[in-house]
Amino acid sequence: MEIYFNIELDSHTNKKGENTIFIRCTFNRQHKRISTGIQIIPKYWNSKQRIVAKNHPLSKEYNSIISQKLIELEKIYLSMVKENQDISLDC
């Protein structure tokens, strides 16, 4: 079985009009959403590429943070597979 990772923008908007960016992990039809700690206004979200749009002043930094968190999650998954551990979404 594989874990699938997907970057998505939360549908809930805070008082500042910002939404949180999450990494959604899917395993055996179960989901876990892990916050990246980044909140942006939805107009700065590129939903096709699933990145912060280039017109956002901190797009490079935010996209780098998202990539790093995604790599960390993939490393955890690969270490579980390598060590023949039971795979779970509790990481």
C-alpha atoms as a PDB file:
ATOM      1  CA  MET A   1       0.000   0.000   0.000  1.00  0.00           C
ATOM      2  CA  GLU A   2       1.116   3.520  -0.723  1.00  0.00           C
ATOM      3  CA  ILE A   3       0.578   6.844   0.957  1.00  0.00           C
ATOM      4  CA  TYR A   4      -0.450   9.676  -1.326  1.00  0.00           C
ATOM      5  CA  PHE A   5       0.519  13.257  -0.548  1.00  0.00           C
ATOM      6  CA  ASN A   6      -1.461  16.225  -1.795  1.00  0.00           C
ATOM      7  CA  ILE A   7      -0.985  19.936  -1.122  1.00  0.00           C
ATOM      8  CA  GLU A   8      -4.247  21.829  -0.654  1.00  0.00           C
ATOM      9  CA  LEU A   9      -5.692  25.100   0.540  1.00  0.00           C
ATOM     10  CA  ASP A  10      -8.084  24.887   3.471  1.00  0.00           C
ATOM     11  CA  SER A  11     -11.670  25.897   2.747  1.00  0.00           C
ATOM     12  CA  HIS A  12     -12.004  27.799   6.043  1.00  0.00           C
ATOM     13  CA  THR A  13     -11.097  31.479   6.029  1.00  0.00           C
ATOM     14  CA  ASN A  14      -9.845  33.275   9.146  1.00  0.00           C
ATOM     15  CA  LYS A  15     -10.699  36.837  10.195  1.00  0.00           C
ATOM     16  CA  LYS A  16      -7.863  38.219   8.050  1.00  0.00           C
ATOM     17  CA  GLY A  17      -9.304  36.522   4.955  1.00  0.00           C
ATOM     18  CA  GLU A  18      -6.503  33.945   4.830  1.00  0.00           C
ATOM     19  CA  ASN A  19      -6.643  30.185   4.404  1.00  0.00           C
ATOM     20  CA  THR A  20      -4.119  27.645   5.692  1.00  0.00           C
ATOM     21  CA  ILE A  21      -2.100  25.449   3.346  1.00  0.00           C
ATOM     22  CA  PHE A  22      -2.164  21.757   4.310  1.00  0.00           C
ATOM     23  CA  ILE A  23      -0.458  18.585   3.156  1.00  0.00           C
ATOM     24  CA  ARG A  24      -3.090  15.861   2.989  1.00  0.00           C
ATOM     25  CA  CYS A  25      -1.857  12.302   3.456  1.00  0.00           C
ATOM     26  CA  THR A  26      -4.079   9.470   2.229  1.00  0.00           C
ATOM     27  CA  PHE A  27      -3.584   5.831   3.191  1.00  0.00           C
ATOM     28  CA  ASN A  28      -6.221   3.095   2.912  1.00  0.00           C
ATOM     29  CA  ARG A  29      -8.892   5.720   2.210  1.00  0.00           C
ATOM     30  CA  GLN A  30      -8.077   7.505   5.459  1.00  0.00           C
ATOM     31  CA  HIS A  31      -6.940  11.124   5.436  1.00  0.00           C
ATOM     32  CA  LYS A  32      -4.770  13.197   7.691  1.00  0.00           C
ATOM     33  CA  ARG A  33      -4.176  16.875   7.090  1.00  0.00           C
ATOM     34  CA  ILE A  34      -0.909  18.349   8.311  1.00  0.00           C
ATOM     35  CA  SER A  35      -0.585  22.112   8.499  1.00  0.00           C
ATOM     36  CA  THR A  36       2.365  23.783   6.852  1.00  0.00           C
ATOM     37  CA  GLY A  37       1.935  26.791   9.127  1.00  0.00           C
ATOM     38  CA  ILE A  38       1.431  29.035   6.098  1.00  0.00           C
ATOM     39  CA  GLN A  39      -1.667  31.160   5.639  1.00  0.00           C
ATOM     40  CA  ILE A  40      -2.396  33.098   2.468  1.00  0.00           C
ATOM     41  CA  ILE A  41      -5.243  34.931   0.791  1.00  0.00           C
ATOM     42  CA  PRO A  42      -6.904  32.516  -1.679  1.00  0.00           C
ATOM     43  CA  LYS A  43      -6.180  34.755  -4.682  1.00  0.00           C
ATOM     44  CA  TYR A  44      -2.479  33.925  -4.206  1.00  0.00           C
ATOM     45  CA  TRP A  45      -3.056  30.154  -4.474  1.00  0.00           C
ATOM     46  CA  ASN A  46      -2.368  28.452  -7.801  1.00  0.00           C
ATOM     47  CA  SER A  47      -4.764  25.502  -7.618  1.00  0.00           C
ATOM     48  CA  LYS A  48      -3.529  23.867 -10.827  1.00  0.00           C
ATOM     49  CA  GLN A  49       0.115  23.704  -9.770  1.00  0.00           C
ATOM     50  CA  ARG A  50      -0.713  23.544  -6.038  1.00  0.00           C
ATOM     51  CA  ILE A  51       1.785  26.241  -5.111  1.00  0.00           C
ATOM     52  CA  VAL A  52       1.733  29.811  -3.855  1.00  0.00           C
ATOM     53  CA  ALA A  53       1.340  32.031  -6.910  1.00  0.00           C
ATOM     54  CA  LYS A  54       4.369  33.942  -8.169  1.00  0.00           C
ATOM     55  CA  ASN A  55       2.639  37.289  -7.604  1.00  0.00           C
ATOM     56  CA  HIS A  56       2.725  36.758  -3.814  1.00  0.00           C
ATOM     57  CA  PRO A  57       5.685  38.664  -2.288  1.00  0.00           C
ATOM     58  CA  LEU A  58       6.879  35.596  -0.310  1.00  0.00           C
ATOM     59  CA  SER A  59       6.052  32.925  -2.881  1.00  0.00           C
ATOM     60  CA  LYS A  60       9.589  31.517  -3.166  1.00  0.00           C
ATOM     61  CA  GLU A  61       9.990  31.228   0.605  1.00  0.00           C
ATOM     62  CA  TYR A  62       6.535  29.711   1.135  1.00  0.00           C
ATOM     63  CA  ASN A  63       6.916  27.209  -1.703  1.00  0.00           C
ATOM     64  CA  SER A  64      10.309  26.223  -0.323  1.00  0.00           C
ATOM     65  CA  ILE A  65       8.825  25.610   3.143  1.00  0.00           C
ATOM     66  CA  ILE A  66       6.018  23.520   1.632  1.00  0.00           C
ATOM     67  CA  SER A  67       8.532  21.460  -0.371  1.00  0.00           C
ATOM     68  CA  GLN A  68      10.678  20.858   2.708  1.00  0.00           C
ATOM     69  CA  LYS A  69       7.700  19.671   4.758  1.00  0.00           C
ATOM     70  CA  LEU A  70       6.608  17.383   1.942  1.00  0.00           C
ATOM     71  CA  ILE A  71      10.110  15.902   1.706  1.00  0.00           C
ATOM     72  CA  GLU A  72      10.133  15.324   5.493  1.00  0.00           C
ATOM     73  CA  LEU A  73       6.840  13.423   5.274  1.00  0.00           C
ATOM     74  CA  GLU A  74       8.079  11.342   2.351  1.00  0.00           C
ATOM     75  CA  LYS A  75      11.256  10.471   4.284  1.00  0.00           C
ATOM     76  CA  ILE A  76       9.179   9.292   7.246  1.00  0.00           C
ATOM     77  CA  TYR A  77       7.085   7.137   4.937  1.00  0.00           C
ATOM     78  CA  LEU A  78      10.146   5.667   3.211  1.00  0.00           C
ATOM     79  CA  SER A  79      11.797   4.863   6.535  1.00  0.00           C
ATOM     80  CA  MET A  80       8.643   2.988   7.619  1.00  0.00           C
ATOM     81  CA  VAL A  81       8.698   0.995   4.379  1.00  0.00           C
ATOM     82  CA  LYS A  82      12.430   0.324   4.608  1.00  0.00           C
ATOM     83  CA  GLU A  83      12.154  -0.964   8.192  1.00  0.00           C
ATOM     84  CA  ASN A  84       9.033  -3.027   7.376  1.00  0.00           C
ATOM     85  CA  GLN A  85       7.047  -1.161  10.020  1.00  0.00           C
ATOM     86  CA  ASP A  86       3.295  -0.957  10.019  1.00  0.00           C
ATOM     87  CA  ILE A  87       2.439   2.095   8.005  1.00  0.00           C
ATOM     88  CA  SER A  88       0.120   4.578   9.673  1.00  0.00           C
ATOM     89  CA  LEU A  89      -0.811   8.217   9.399  1.00  0.00           C
ATOM     90  CA  ASP A  90       0.301   8.917  12.978  1.00  0.00           C
ATOM     91  CA  CYS A  91       3.616  10.601  12.314  1.00  0.00           C
END
